[in-house]
Amino acid sequence: VYLQMNNLEPEDAGVYYCNAELDYGLGKFF
């Protein structure tokens, strides 16, 4: 997954974390 960030502002500064939710079936998510 990509995040194209244009016209960055000082308020955008910080640590950016990637998150993924995986589906293992029968309502089990991680």
Full PDB file with SEQRES, HELIX, SHEET, SSBOND, CRYST1, ORIGX, SCALE, CONECT and MASTER records, all heavy atoms in Angstrom:
SEQRES   1 A   30  VAL TYR LEU GLN MET ASN ASN LEU GLU PRO GLU ASP ALA          
SEQRES   2 A   30  GLY VAL TYR TYR CYS ASN ALA GLU LEU ASP TYR GLY LEU          
SEQRES   3 A   30  GLY LYS PHE PHE                                              
HELIX    1 AA1 PRO A   10  ASP A   12  5                                   3    
CRYST1    1.000    1.000    1.000  90.00  90.00  90.00 P 1           1          
ORIGX1      1.000000  0.000000  0.000000        0.00000                         
ORIGX2      0.000000  1.000000  0.000000        0.00000                         
ORIGX3      0.000000  0.000000  1.000000        0.00000                         
SCALE1      1.000000  0.000000  0.000000        0.00000                         
SCALE2      0.000000  1.000000  0.000000        0.00000                         
SCALE3      0.000000  0.000000  1.000000        0.00000                         
ATOM      1  N   VAL A   1       0.851  -1.174   0.000  1.00  0.00           N  
ATOM      2  CA  VAL A   1       0.000   0.000   0.000  1.00  0.00           C  
ATOM      3  C   VAL A   1       0.890   1.228   0.000  1.00  0.00           C  
ATOM      4  O   VAL A   1       1.970   1.232   0.612  1.00  0.00           O  
ATOM      5  CB  VAL A   1      -0.969   0.004   1.199  1.00  0.00           C  
ATOM      6  CG1 VAL A   1      -0.209   0.132   2.522  1.00  0.00           C  
ATOM      7  CG2 VAL A   1      -2.000   1.109   1.062  1.00  0.00           C  
ATOM      8  N   TYR A   2       0.444   2.266  -0.693  1.00  0.00           N  
ATOM      9  CA  TYR A   2       1.203   3.492  -0.824  1.00  0.00           C  
ATOM     10  C   TYR A   2       0.392   4.663  -0.295  1.00  0.00           C  
ATOM     11  O   TYR A   2      -0.831   4.646  -0.277  1.00  0.00           O  
ATOM     12  CB  TYR A   2       1.565   3.765  -2.288  1.00  0.00           C  
ATOM     13  CG  TYR A   2       2.263   2.628  -2.981  1.00  0.00           C  
ATOM     14  CD1 TYR A   2       1.545   1.695  -3.724  1.00  0.00           C  
ATOM     15  CD2 TYR A   2       3.643   2.476  -2.893  1.00  0.00           C  
ATOM     16  CE1 TYR A   2       2.185   0.649  -4.362  1.00  0.00           C  
ATOM     17  CE2 TYR A   2       4.287   1.428  -3.530  1.00  0.00           C  
ATOM     18  CZ  TYR A   2       3.554   0.518  -4.264  1.00  0.00           C  
ATOM     19  OH  TYR A   2       4.194  -0.518  -4.896  1.00  0.00           O  
ATOM     20  N   LEU A   3       1.103   5.672   0.110  1.00  0.00           N  
ATOM     21  CA  LEU A   3       0.472   6.925   0.493  1.00  0.00           C  
ATOM     22  C   LEU A   3       1.239   8.052  -0.177  1.00  0.00           C  
ATOM     23  O   LEU A   3       2.369   8.356   0.215  1.00  0.00           O  
ATOM     24  CB  LEU A   3       0.462   7.120   2.007  1.00  0.00           C  
ATOM     25  CG  LEU A   3      -0.286   8.364   2.497  1.00  0.00           C  
ATOM     26  CD1 LEU A   3      -1.784   8.229   2.217  1.00  0.00           C  
ATOM     27  CD2 LEU A   3      -0.044   8.602   3.986  1.00  0.00           C  
ATOM     28  N   GLN A   4       0.630   8.628  -1.194  1.00  0.00           N  
ATOM     29  CA  GLN A   4       1.214   9.773  -1.868  1.00  0.00           C  
ATOM     30  C   GLN A   4       0.777  11.022  -1.137  1.00  0.00           C  
ATOM     31  O   GLN A   4      -0.418  11.300  -1.036  1.00  0.00           O  
ATOM     32  CB  GLN A   4       0.769   9.821  -3.330  1.00  0.00           C  
ATOM     33  CG  GLN A   4       1.306  11.009  -4.112  1.00  0.00           C  
ATOM     34  CD  GLN A   4       2.802  10.955  -4.293  1.00  0.00           C  
ATOM     35  OE1 GLN A   4       3.347   9.915  -4.636  1.00  0.00           O  
ATOM     36  NE2 GLN A   4       3.471  12.077  -4.062  1.00  0.00           N  
ATOM     37  N   MET A   5       1.730  11.770  -0.627  1.00  0.00           N  
ATOM     38  CA  MET A   5       1.453  12.954   0.162  1.00  0.00           C  
ATOM     39  C   MET A   5       1.976  14.175  -0.581  1.00  0.00           C  
ATOM     40  O   MET A   5       3.185  14.321  -0.777  1.00  0.00           O  
ATOM     41  CB  MET A   5       2.094  12.856   1.543  1.00  0.00           C  
ATOM     42  CG  MET A   5       1.693  11.601   2.310  1.00  0.00           C  
ATOM     43  SD  MET A   5       2.327  11.579   4.012  1.00  0.00           S  
ATOM     44  CE  MET A   5       4.090  11.495   3.693  1.00  0.00           C  
ATOM     45  N   ASN A   6       1.063  15.033  -0.981  1.00  0.00           N  
ATOM     46  CA  ASN A   6       1.413  16.242  -1.703  1.00  0.00           C  
ATOM     47  C   ASN A   6       1.073  17.473  -0.875  1.00  0.00           C  
ATOM     48  O   ASN A   6       0.229  17.424   0.020  1.00  0.00           O  
ATOM     49  CB  ASN A   6       0.675  16.309  -3.041  1.00  0.00           C  
ATOM     50  CG  ASN A   6       1.054  15.197  -3.983  1.00  0.00           C  
ATOM     51  OD1 ASN A   6       2.193  14.735  -3.997  1.00  0.00           O  
ATOM     52  ND2 ASN A   6       0.089  14.763  -4.796  1.00  0.00           N  
ATOM     53  N   ASN A   7       1.735  18.570  -1.210  1.00  0.00           N  
ATOM     54  CA  ASN A   7       1.498  19.836  -0.523  1.00  0.00           C  
ATOM     55  C   ASN A   7       1.550  19.658   0.988  1.00  0.00           C  
ATOM     56  O   ASN A   7       0.644  20.065   1.724  1.00  0.00           O  
ATOM     57  CB  ASN A   7       0.153  20.426  -0.951  1.00  0.00           C  
ATOM     58  CG  ASN A   7      -0.002  21.877  -0.547  1.00  0.00           C  
ATOM     59  OD1 ASN A   7       0.982  22.591  -0.351  1.00  0.00           O  
ATOM     60  ND2 ASN A   7      -1.246  22.323  -0.410  1.00  0.00           N  
ATOM     61  N   LEU A   8       2.621  19.063   1.448  1.00  0.00           N  
ATOM     62  CA  LEU A   8       2.763  18.780   2.872  1.00  0.00           C  
ATOM     63  C   LEU A   8       2.811  20.054   3.697  1.00  0.00           C  
ATOM     64  O   LEU A   8       3.366  21.073   3.273  1.00  0.00           O  
ATOM     65  CB  LEU A   8       4.010  17.947   3.115  1.00  0.00           C  
ATOM     66  CG  LEU A   8       3.862  16.467   2.760  1.00  0.00           C  
ATOM     67  CD1 LEU A   8       5.219  15.821   2.553  1.00  0.00           C  
ATOM     68  CD2 LEU A   8       3.083  15.737   3.849  1.00  0.00           C  
ATOM     69  N   GLU A   9       2.225  19.968   4.868  1.00  0.00           N  
ATOM     70  CA  GLU A   9       2.168  21.075   5.806  1.00  0.00           C  
ATOM     71  C   GLU A   9       2.875  20.681   7.094  1.00  0.00           C  
ATOM     72  O   GLU A   9       3.004  19.494   7.399  1.00  0.00           O  
ATOM     73  CB  GLU A   9       0.710  21.442   6.103  1.00  0.00           C  
ATOM     74  CG  GLU A   9      -0.107  21.780   4.868  1.00  0.00           C  
ATOM     75  CD  GLU A   9      -1.594  21.895   5.151  1.00  0.00           C  
ATOM     76  OE1 GLU A   9      -2.015  21.564   6.279  1.00  0.00           O  
ATOM     77  OE2 GLU A   9      -2.327  22.321   4.241  1.00  0.00           O  
ATOM     78  N   PRO A  10       3.344  21.660   7.866  1.00  0.00           N  
ATOM     79  CA  PRO A  10       3.989  21.317   9.138  1.00  0.00           C  
ATOM     80  C   PRO A  10       3.112  20.452  10.038  1.00  0.00           C  
ATOM     81  O   PRO A  10       3.632  19.620  10.791  1.00  0.00           O  
ATOM     82  CB  PRO A  10       4.265  22.688   9.765  1.00  0.00           C  
ATOM     83  CG  PRO A  10       4.432  23.596   8.595  1.00  0.00           C  
ATOM     84  CD  PRO A  10       3.447  23.098   7.564  1.00  0.00           C  
ATOM     85  N   GLU A  11       1.811  20.638   9.964  1.00  0.00           N  
ATOM     86  CA  GLU A  11       0.893  19.847  10.773  1.00  0.00           C  
ATOM     87  C   GLU A  11       0.871  18.376  10.383  1.00  0.00           C  
ATOM     88  O   GLU A  11       0.342  17.544  11.125  1.00  0.00           O  
ATOM     89  CB  GLU A  11      -0.524  20.423  10.681  1.00  0.00           C  
ATOM     90  CG  GLU A  11      -0.692  21.797  11.311  1.00  0.00           C  
ATOM     91  CD  GLU A  11      -0.149  22.923  10.441  1.00  0.00           C  
ATOM     92  OE1 GLU A  11       0.117  22.686   9.245  1.00  0.00           O  
ATOM     93  OE2 GLU A  11       0.014  24.044  10.953  1.00  0.00           O  
ATOM     94  N   ASP A  12       1.427  18.042   9.223  1.00  0.00           N  
ATOM     95  CA  ASP A  12       1.475  16.653   8.782  1.00  0.00           C  
ATOM     96  C   ASP A  12       2.634  15.881   9.399  1.00  0.00           C  
ATOM     97  O   ASP A  12       2.712  14.665   9.234  1.00  0.00           O  
ATOM     98  CB  ASP A  12       1.596  16.577   7.257  1.00  0.00           C  
ATOM     99  CG  ASP A  12       0.379  17.145   6.544  1.00  0.00           C  
ATOM    100  OD1 ASP A  12      -0.754  16.866   6.979  1.00  0.00           O  
ATOM    101  OD2 ASP A  12       0.570  17.857   5.536  1.00  0.00           O  
ATOM    102  N   ALA A  13       3.528  16.548  10.063  1.00  0.00           N  
ATOM    103  CA  ALA A  13       4.711  15.895  10.614  1.00  0.00           C  
ATOM    104  C   ALA A  13       4.333  14.883  11.687  1.00  0.00           C  
ATOM    105  O   ALA A  13       3.358  15.068  12.438  1.00  0.00           O  
ATOM    106  CB  ALA A  13       5.679  16.931  11.174  1.00  0.00           C  
ATOM    107  N   GLY A  14       5.102  13.829  11.772  1.00  0.00           N  
ATOM    108  CA  GLY A  14       4.866  12.804  12.762  1.00  0.00           C  
ATOM    109  C   GLY A  14       5.384  11.462  12.285  1.00  0.00           C  
ATOM    110  O   GLY A  14       5.998  11.361  11.225  1.00  0.00           O  
ATOM    111  N   VAL A  15       5.128  10.452  13.073  1.00  0.00           N  
ATOM    112  CA  VAL A  15       5.490   9.094  12.701  1.00  0.00           C  
ATOM    113  C   VAL A  15       4.280   8.443  12.048  1.00  0.00           C  
ATOM    114  O   VAL A  15       3.193   8.425  12.629  1.00  0.00           O  
ATOM    115  CB  VAL A  15       5.958   8.269  13.909  1.00  0.00           C  
ATOM    116  CG1 VAL A  15       6.300   6.848  13.489  1.00  0.00           C  
ATOM    117  CG2 VAL A  15       7.154   8.938  14.577  1.00  0.00           C  
ATOM    118  N   TYR A  16       4.486   7.928  10.862  1.00  0.00           N  
ATOM    119  CA  TYR A  16       3.411   7.293  10.109  1.00  0.00           C  
ATOM    120  C   TYR A  16       3.531   5.785  10.222  1.00  0.00           C  
ATOM    121  O   TYR A  16       4.587   5.207   9.962  1.00  0.00           O  
ATOM    122  CB  TYR A  16       3.463   7.731   8.645  1.00  0.00           C  
ATOM    123  CG  TYR A  16       2.923   9.123   8.418  1.00  0.00           C  
ATOM    124  CD1 TYR A  16       3.584  10.232   8.925  1.00  0.00           C  
ATOM    125  CD2 TYR A  16       1.739   9.317   7.715  1.00  0.00           C  
ATOM    126  CE1 TYR A  16       3.084  11.510   8.738  1.00  0.00           C  
ATOM    127  CE2 TYR A  16       1.233  10.590   7.521  1.00  0.00           C  
ATOM    128  CZ  TYR A  16       1.905  11.679   8.031  1.00  0.00           C  
ATOM    129  OH  TYR A  16       1.402  12.951   7.838  1.00  0.00           O  
ATOM    130  N   TYR A  17       2.434   5.157  10.603  1.00  0.00           N  
ATOM    131  CA  TYR A  17       2.397   3.718  10.821  1.00  0.00           C  
ATOM    132  C   TYR A  17       1.463   3.051   9.823  1.00  0.00           C  
ATOM    133  O   TYR A  17       0.350   3.522   9.590  1.00  0.00           O  
ATOM    134  CB  TYR A  17       1.910   3.386  12.230  1.00  0.00           C  
ATOM    135  CG  TYR A  17       2.772   3.940  13.335  1.00  0.00           C  
ATOM    136  CD1 TYR A  17       2.514   5.193  13.884  1.00  0.00           C  
ATOM    137  CD2 TYR A  17       3.842   3.203  13.836  1.00  0.00           C  
ATOM    138  CE1 TYR A  17       3.303   5.701  14.895  1.00  0.00           C  
ATOM    139  CE2 TYR A  17       4.624   3.702  14.852  1.00  0.00           C  
ATOM    140  CZ  TYR A  17       4.358   4.952  15.378  1.00  0.00           C  
ATOM    141  OH  TYR A  17       5.129   5.456  16.389  1.00  0.00           O  
ATOM    142  N   CYS A  18       1.911   1.951   9.283  1.00  0.00           N  
ATOM    143  CA  CYS A  18       1.089   1.136   8.412  1.00  0.00           C  
ATOM    144  C   CYS A  18       0.331   0.115   9.239  1.00  0.00           C  
ATOM    145  O   CYS A  18       0.872  -0.445  10.201  1.00  0.00           O  
ATOM    146  CB  CYS A  18       1.965   0.436   7.380  1.00  0.00           C  
ATOM    147  SG  CYS A  18       1.070  -0.614   6.218  1.00  0.00           S  
ATOM    148  N   ASN A  19      -0.910  -0.118   8.885  1.00  0.00           N  
ATOM    149  CA  ASN A  19      -1.742  -1.091   9.578  1.00  0.00           C  
ATOM    150  C   ASN A  19      -2.450  -1.969   8.565  1.00  0.00           C  
ATOM    151  O   ASN A  19      -2.887  -1.497   7.520  1.00  0.00           O  
ATOM    152  CB  ASN A  19      -2.772  -0.385  10.467  1.00  0.00           C  
ATOM    153  CG  ASN A  19      -3.786  -1.342  11.062  1.00  0.00           C  
ATOM    154  OD1 ASN A  19      -4.858  -1.561  10.505  1.00  0.00           O  
ATOM    155  ND2 ASN A  19      -3.444  -1.922  12.208  1.00  0.00           N  
ATOM    156  N   ALA A  20      -2.564  -3.243   8.894  1.00  0.00           N  
ATOM    157  CA  ALA A  20      -3.298  -4.172   8.053  1.00  0.00           C  
ATOM    158  C   ALA A  20      -4.181  -5.046   8.917  1.00  0.00           C  
ATOM    159  O   ALA A  20      -3.743  -5.551   9.952  1.00  0.00           O  
ATOM    160  CB  ALA A  20      -2.342  -5.048   7.235  1.00  0.00           C  
ATOM    161  N   GLU A  21      -5.420  -5.193   8.503  1.00  0.00           N  
ATOM    162  CA  GLU A  21      -6.353  -6.091   9.172  1.00  0.00           C  
ATOM    163  C   GLU A  21      -6.540  -7.316   8.293  1.00  0.00           C  
ATOM    164  O   GLU A  21      -7.009  -7.204   7.163  1.00  0.00           O  
ATOM    165  CB  GLU A  21      -7.698  -5.417   9.420  1.00  0.00           C  
ATOM    166  CG  GLU A  21      -8.693  -6.308  10.131  1.00  0.00           C  
ATOM    167  CD  GLU A  21     -10.053  -5.664  10.275  1.00  0.00           C  
ATOM    168  OE1 GLU A  21     -10.208  -4.832  11.196  1.00  0.00           O  
ATOM    169  OE2 GLU A  21     -10.939  -5.979   9.466  1.00  0.00           O  
ATOM    170  N   LEU A  22      -6.177  -8.462   8.832  1.00  0.00           N  
ATOM    171  CA  LEU A  22      -6.278  -9.714   8.097  1.00  0.00           C  
ATOM    172  C   LEU A  22      -7.479 -10.514   8.554  1.00  0.00           C  
ATOM    173  O   LEU A  22      -7.787 -10.586   9.749  1.00  0.00           O  
ATOM    174  CB  LEU A  22      -5.003 -10.544   8.267  1.00  0.00           C  
ATOM    175  CG  LEU A  22      -3.879 -10.258   7.269  1.00  0.00           C  
ATOM    176  CD1 LEU A  22      -3.344  -8.839   7.440  1.00  0.00           C  
ATOM    177  CD2 LEU A  22      -2.759 -11.271   7.411  1.00  0.00           C  
ATOM    178  N   ASP A  23      -8.144 -11.132   7.596  1.00  0.00           N  
ATOM    179  CA  ASP A  23      -9.334 -11.926   7.835  1.00  0.00           C  
ATOM    180  C   ASP A  23      -8.959 -13.401   7.729  1.00  0.00           C  
ATOM    181  O   ASP A  23      -8.594 -13.873   6.648  1.00  0.00           O  
ATOM    182  CB  ASP A  23     -10.416 -11.563   6.817  1.00  0.00           C  
ATOM    183  CG  ASP A  23     -11.732 -12.277   7.050  1.00  0.00           C  
ATOM    184  OD1 ASP A  23     -11.803 -13.151   7.937  1.00  0.00           O  
ATOM    185  OD2 ASP A  23     -12.706 -11.956   6.345  1.00  0.00           O  
ATOM    186  N   TYR A  24      -9.091 -14.130   8.843  1.00  0.00           N  
ATOM    187  CA  TYR A  24      -8.763 -15.553   8.863  1.00  0.00           C  
ATOM    188  C   TYR A  24      -9.988 -16.435   8.861  1.00  0.00           C  
ATOM    189  O   TYR A  24      -9.898 -17.631   9.083  1.00  0.00           O  
ATOM    190  CB  TYR A  24      -7.867 -15.871  10.062  1.00  0.00           C  
ATOM    191  CG  TYR A  24      -6.476 -15.328   9.901  1.00  0.00           C  
ATOM    192  CD1 TYR A  24      -6.150 -14.052  10.338  1.00  0.00           C  
ATOM    193  CD2 TYR A  24      -5.487 -16.085   9.282  1.00  0.00           C  
ATOM    194  CE1 TYR A  24      -4.875 -13.545  10.158  1.00  0.00           C  
ATOM    195  CE2 TYR A  24      -4.214 -15.586   9.110  1.00  0.00           C  
ATOM    196  CZ  TYR A  24      -3.918 -14.307   9.554  1.00  0.00           C  
ATOM    197  OH  TYR A  24      -2.644 -13.810   9.390  1.00  0.00           O  
ATOM    198  N   GLY A  25     -11.136 -15.834   8.601  1.00  0.00           N  
ATOM    199  CA  GLY A  25     -12.368 -16.592   8.499  1.00  0.00           C  
ATOM    200  C   GLY A  25     -13.112 -16.696   9.812  1.00  0.00           C  
ATOM    201  O   GLY A  25     -12.537 -16.562  10.893  1.00  0.00           O  
ATOM    202  N   LEU A  26     -14.410 -16.935   9.701  1.00  0.00           N  
ATOM    203  CA  LEU A  26     -15.284 -17.119  10.864  1.00  0.00           C  
ATOM    204  C   LEU A  26     -15.189 -15.960  11.853  1.00  0.00           C  
ATOM    205  O   LEU A  26     -15.216 -16.166  13.073  1.00  0.00           O  
ATOM    206  CB  LEU A  26     -14.973 -18.447  11.558  1.00  0.00           C  
ATOM    207  CG  LEU A  26     -15.173 -19.706  10.713  1.00  0.00           C  
ATOM    208  CD1 LEU A  26     -14.738 -20.946  11.484  1.00  0.00           C  
ATOM    209  CD2 LEU A  26     -16.629 -19.824  10.265  1.00  0.00           C  
ATOM    210  N   GLY A  27     -15.080 -14.772  11.321  1.00  0.00           N  
ATOM    211  CA  GLY A  27     -15.062 -13.600  12.166  1.00  0.00           C  
ATOM    212  C   GLY A  27     -13.780 -13.358  12.929  1.00  0.00           C  
ATOM    213  O   GLY A  27     -13.766 -12.548  13.865  1.00  0.00           O  
ATOM    214  N   LYS A  28     -12.716 -14.041  12.560  1.00  0.00           N  
ATOM    215  CA  LYS A  28     -11.440 -13.848  13.238  1.00  0.00           C  
ATOM    216  C   LYS A  28     -10.592 -12.844  12.463  1.00  0.00           C  
ATOM    217  O   LYS A  28     -10.219 -13.089  11.316  1.00  0.00           O  
ATOM    218  CB  LYS A  28     -10.691 -15.175  13.379  1.00  0.00           C  
ATOM    219  CG  LYS A  28     -11.408 -16.182  14.269  1.00  0.00           C  
ATOM    220  CD  LYS A  28     -10.609 -17.466  14.408  1.00  0.00           C  
ATOM    221  CE  LYS A  28      -9.324 -17.249  15.179  1.00  0.00           C  
ATOM    222  NZ  LYS A  28      -9.578 -16.908  16.601  1.00  0.00           N  
ATOM    223  N   PHE A  29     -10.309 -11.733  13.107  1.00  0.00           N  
ATOM    224  CA  PHE A  29      -9.539 -10.665  12.503  1.00  0.00           C  
ATOM    225  C   PHE A  29      -8.309 -10.372  13.343  1.00  0.00           C  
ATOM    226  O   PHE A  29      -8.350 -10.430  14.574  1.00  0.00           O  
ATOM    227  CB  PHE A  29     -10.382  -9.396  12.370  1.00  0.00           C  
ATOM    228  CG  PHE A  29     -11.655  -9.599  11.610  1.00  0.00           C  
ATOM    229  CD1 PHE A  29     -12.846  -9.795  12.282  1.00  0.00           C  
ATOM    230  CD2 PHE A  29     -11.658  -9.588  10.228  1.00  0.00           C  
ATOM    231  CE1 PHE A  29     -14.029  -9.976  11.586  1.00  0.00           C  
ATOM    232  CE2 PHE A  29     -12.837  -9.770   9.523  1.00  0.00           C  
ATOM    233  CZ  PHE A  29     -14.026  -9.971  10.204  1.00  0.00           C  
ATOM    234  N   PHE A  30      -7.239 -10.025  12.686  1.00  0.00           N  
ATOM    235  CA  PHE A  30      -5.997  -9.695  13.368  1.00  0.00           C  
ATOM    236  C   PHE A  30      -5.407  -8.441  12.747  1.00  0.00           C  
ATOM    237  O   PHE A  30      -5.359  -8.307  11.521  1.00  0.00           O  
ATOM    238  CB  PHE A  30      -4.986 -10.839  13.281  1.00  0.00           C  
ATOM    239  CG  PHE A  30      -5.431 -12.091  13.969  1.00  0.00           C  
ATOM    240  CD1 PHE A  30      -6.180 -13.034  13.296  1.00  0.00           C  
ATOM    241  CD2 PHE A  30      -5.096 -12.322  15.294  1.00  0.00           C  
ATOM    242  CE1 PHE A  30      -6.599 -14.196  13.921  1.00  0.00           C  
ATOM    243  CE2 PHE A  30      -5.501 -13.478  15.938  1.00  0.00           C  
ATOM    244  CZ  PHE A  30      -6.258 -14.418  15.250  1.00  0.00           C  
TER     245      PHE A  30                                                      
MASTER        0    0    0    1    0    0    0    6  244    1    0    3          
END                                                                             
